[in-house]
Amino acid sequence: MTTLSLLIKNEPAFTSAALRFAKASSDTDARMHCVFFFGKGVLHATGQEKQFWSHWSRAVGARLVLCSASAETFGLTEDDDFSVEGLGELIEAGLTSGKVLSFG
């Protein structure tokens, strides 16, 4: 079984492919390890996208991680679904996953 992680680097309006990929991945045998939101990608943790990612991560068992510097820039804090961590988590996701797909 393939283990995947996602890196999302831009706001939802420019990374709708990430949402489509996540929805489609639910129907595969790939295991989702982590979604790391970087830069404007942390804006996925707001609005309607937040609800989608929260529900999706619980369904597939993926961790949702906001880049600490980016979260601080946009005034976001961690909650029950999204953790705020450093770039070391992105490195760990790359080492743990078979593939890391980047959007944005």
C-alpha atoms as a PDB file:
ATOM      1  CA  MET A   1       0.000   0.000   0.000  1.00  0.00           C
ATOM      2  CA  THR A   2       1.261   3.458  -0.921  1.00  0.00           C
ATOM      3  CA  THR A   3       1.513   6.127   1.767  1.00  0.00           C
ATOM      4  CA  LEU A   4       0.922   9.702   0.595  1.00  0.00           C
ATOM      5  CA  SER A   5       1.315  13.148   2.074  1.00  0.00           C
ATOM      6  CA  LEU A   6       0.156  16.430   0.579  1.00  0.00           C
ATOM      7  CA  LEU A   7       1.832  19.840   0.599  1.00  0.00           C
ATOM      8  CA  ILE A   8      -0.560  22.721  -0.081  1.00  0.00           C
ATOM      9  CA  LYS A   9       1.132  26.061  -0.715  1.00  0.00           C
ATOM     10  CA  ASN A  10      -1.616  28.390  -1.946  1.00  0.00           C
ATOM     11  CA  GLU A  11      -5.068  29.563  -0.931  1.00  0.00           C
ATOM     12  CA  PRO A  12      -8.143  27.471  -1.724  1.00  0.00           C
ATOM     13  CA  ALA A  13      -9.105  29.480  -4.821  1.00  0.00           C
ATOM     14  CA  PHE A  14      -5.826  28.448  -6.484  1.00  0.00           C
ATOM     15  CA  THR A  15      -5.554  24.896  -5.163  1.00  0.00           C
ATOM     16  CA  SER A  16      -8.960  23.393  -5.868  1.00  0.00           C
ATOM     17  CA  ALA A  17      -7.100  20.425  -7.398  1.00  0.00           C
ATOM     18  CA  ALA A  18      -5.927  19.540  -3.869  1.00  0.00           C
ATOM     19  CA  LEU A  19      -9.530  19.256  -2.709  1.00  0.00           C
ATOM     20  CA  ARG A  20     -10.444  17.146  -5.740  1.00  0.00           C
ATOM     21  CA  PHE A  21      -7.423  14.894  -5.186  1.00  0.00           C
ATOM     22  CA  ALA A  22      -8.266  14.417  -1.504  1.00  0.00           C
ATOM     23  CA  LYS A  23     -11.861  13.489  -2.362  1.00  0.00           C
ATOM     24  CA  ALA A  24     -10.701  11.013  -5.017  1.00  0.00           C
ATOM     25  CA  SER A  25      -8.038   9.487  -2.765  1.00  0.00           C
ATOM     26  CA  SER A  26     -10.721   8.360  -0.331  1.00  0.00           C
ATOM     27  CA  ASP A  27     -11.724   5.715  -2.885  1.00  0.00           C
ATOM     28  CA  THR A  28      -8.244   4.222  -3.279  1.00  0.00           C
ATOM     29  CA  ASP A  29      -6.091   1.887  -1.229  1.00  0.00           C
ATOM     30  CA  ALA A  30      -3.481   4.621  -0.649  1.00  0.00           C
ATOM     31  CA  ARG A  31      -2.982   5.608   2.978  1.00  0.00           C
ATOM     32  CA  MET A  32      -2.914   9.353   3.643  1.00  0.00           C
ATOM     33  CA  HIS A  33      -0.320  10.278   6.248  1.00  0.00           C
ATOM     34  CA  CYS A  34      -0.246  14.067   6.444  1.00  0.00           C
ATOM     35  CA  VAL A  35      -1.430  17.282   4.808  1.00  0.00           C
ATOM     36  CA  PHE A  36       1.010  20.139   5.391  1.00  0.00           C
ATOM     37  CA  PHE A  37      -0.340  23.640   4.705  1.00  0.00           C
ATOM     38  CA  PHE A  38       2.367  26.215   3.933  1.00  0.00           C
ATOM     39  CA  GLY A  39       2.215  29.926   3.075  1.00  0.00           C
ATOM     40  CA  LYS A  40      -1.254  30.991   1.962  1.00  0.00           C
ATOM     41  CA  GLY A  41      -2.179  27.309   2.044  1.00  0.00           C
ATOM     42  CA  VAL A  42      -2.964  27.722   5.754  1.00  0.00           C
ATOM     43  CA  LEU A  43      -6.114  29.551   4.627  1.00  0.00           C
ATOM     44  CA  HIS A  44      -7.564  26.088   3.966  1.00  0.00           C
ATOM     45  CA  ALA A  45      -8.030  26.011   7.760  1.00  0.00           C
ATOM     46  CA  THR A  46     -10.718  28.690   7.478  1.00  0.00           C
ATOM     47  CA  GLY A  47     -14.171  28.881   5.908  1.00  0.00           C
ATOM     48  CA  GLN A  48     -15.830  25.987   4.109  1.00  0.00           C
ATOM     49  CA  GLU A  49     -12.509  24.322   3.365  1.00  0.00           C
ATOM     50  CA  LYS A  50     -11.858  23.859   7.081  1.00  0.00           C
ATOM     51  CA  GLN A  51     -15.008  21.745   7.377  1.00  0.00           C
ATOM     52  CA  PHE A  52     -14.021  19.624   4.376  1.00  0.00           C
ATOM     53  CA  TRP A  53     -10.467  18.967   5.616  1.00  0.00           C
ATOM     54  CA  SER A  54     -11.614  18.224   9.175  1.00  0.00           C
ATOM     55  CA  HIS A  55     -14.190  15.679   8.043  1.00  0.00           C
ATOM     56  CA  TRP A  56     -11.863  14.158   5.420  1.00  0.00           C
ATOM     57  CA  SER A  57      -8.917  13.776   7.822  1.00  0.00           C
ATOM     58  CA  ARG A  58     -11.055  11.950  10.362  1.00  0.00           C
ATOM     59  CA  ALA A  59     -12.350   9.625   7.631  1.00  0.00           C
ATOM     60  CA  VAL A  60      -8.899   8.729   6.246  1.00  0.00           C
ATOM     61  CA  GLY A  61      -6.746   9.159   9.367  1.00  0.00           C
ATOM     62  CA  ALA A  62      -4.495  11.908   7.992  1.00  0.00           C
ATOM     63  CA  ARG A  63      -2.828  14.567  10.137  1.00  0.00           C
ATOM     64  CA  LEU A  64      -3.524  18.214   9.246  1.00  0.00           C
ATOM     65  CA  VAL A  65      -0.529  20.454   9.943  1.00  0.00           C
ATOM     66  CA  LEU A  66      -0.303  24.238   9.561  1.00  0.00           C
ATOM     67  CA  CYS A  67       3.190  25.693   9.101  1.00  0.00           C
ATOM     68  CA  SER A  68       3.898  27.607  12.310  1.00  0.00           C
ATOM     69  CA  ALA A  69       5.322  30.719  10.597  1.00  0.00           C
ATOM     70  CA  SER A  70       2.475  30.845   8.064  1.00  0.00           C
ATOM     71  CA  ALA A  71      -0.171  30.305  10.744  1.00  0.00           C
ATOM     72  CA  GLU A  72       1.316  33.151  12.769  1.00  0.00           C
ATOM     73  CA  THR A  73       1.289  35.433   9.714  1.00  0.00           C
ATOM     74  CA  PHE A  74      -2.435  34.838   9.205  1.00  0.00           C
ATOM     75  CA  GLY A  75      -3.343  34.775  12.911  1.00  0.00           C
ATOM     76  CA  LEU A  76      -4.349  31.096  12.981  1.00  0.00           C
ATOM     77  CA  THR A  77      -3.998  28.801  15.968  1.00  0.00           C
ATOM     78  CA  GLU A  78      -4.291  25.064  16.355  1.00  0.00           C
ATOM     79  CA  ASP A  79      -7.567  23.388  17.180  1.00  0.00           C
ATOM     80  CA  ASP A  80      -8.909  19.844  17.472  1.00  0.00           C
ATOM     81  CA  ASP A  81      -8.218  19.090  13.793  1.00  0.00           C
ATOM     82  CA  PHE A  82      -5.279  21.278  12.747  1.00  0.00           C
ATOM     83  CA  SER A  83      -1.956  21.291  14.573  1.00  0.00           C
ATOM     84  CA  VAL A  84       0.590  24.108  14.213  1.00  0.00           C
ATOM     85  CA  GLU A  85       4.117  22.810  13.745  1.00  0.00           C
ATOM     86  CA  GLY A  86       7.399  23.651  12.063  1.00  0.00           C
ATOM     87  CA  LEU A  87       8.930  22.603   8.755  1.00  0.00           C
ATOM     88  CA  GLY A  88      10.414  19.563  10.475  1.00  0.00           C
ATOM     89  CA  GLU A  89       6.951  17.985  10.189  1.00  0.00           C
ATOM     90  CA  LEU A  90       7.094  18.413   6.413  1.00  0.00           C
ATOM     91  CA  ILE A  91      10.495  16.707   6.366  1.00  0.00           C
ATOM     92  CA  GLU A  92       9.108  13.886   8.522  1.00  0.00           C
ATOM     93  CA  ALA A  93       6.138  13.494   6.159  1.00  0.00           C
ATOM     94  CA  GLY A  94       8.546  13.199   3.236  1.00  0.00           C
ATOM     95  CA  LEU A  95      10.608  10.546   5.004  1.00  0.00           C
ATOM     96  CA  THR A  96       7.570   8.576   6.185  1.00  0.00           C
ATOM     97  CA  SER A  97       5.500   8.725   2.997  1.00  0.00           C
ATOM     98  CA  GLY A  98       6.158   6.960  -0.270  1.00  0.00           C
ATOM     99  CA  LYS A  99       5.238  10.163  -2.121  1.00  0.00           C
ATOM    100  CA  VAL A 100       4.551  13.804  -1.310  1.00  0.00           C
ATOM    101  CA  LEU A 101       2.274  15.601  -3.761  1.00  0.00           C
ATOM    102  CA  SER A 102       2.564  19.385  -3.921  1.00  0.00           C
ATOM    103  CA  PHE A 103      -0.268  21.768  -4.852  1.00  0.00           C
ATOM    104  CA  GLY A 104       0.138  25.497  -5.438  1.00  0.00           C
END
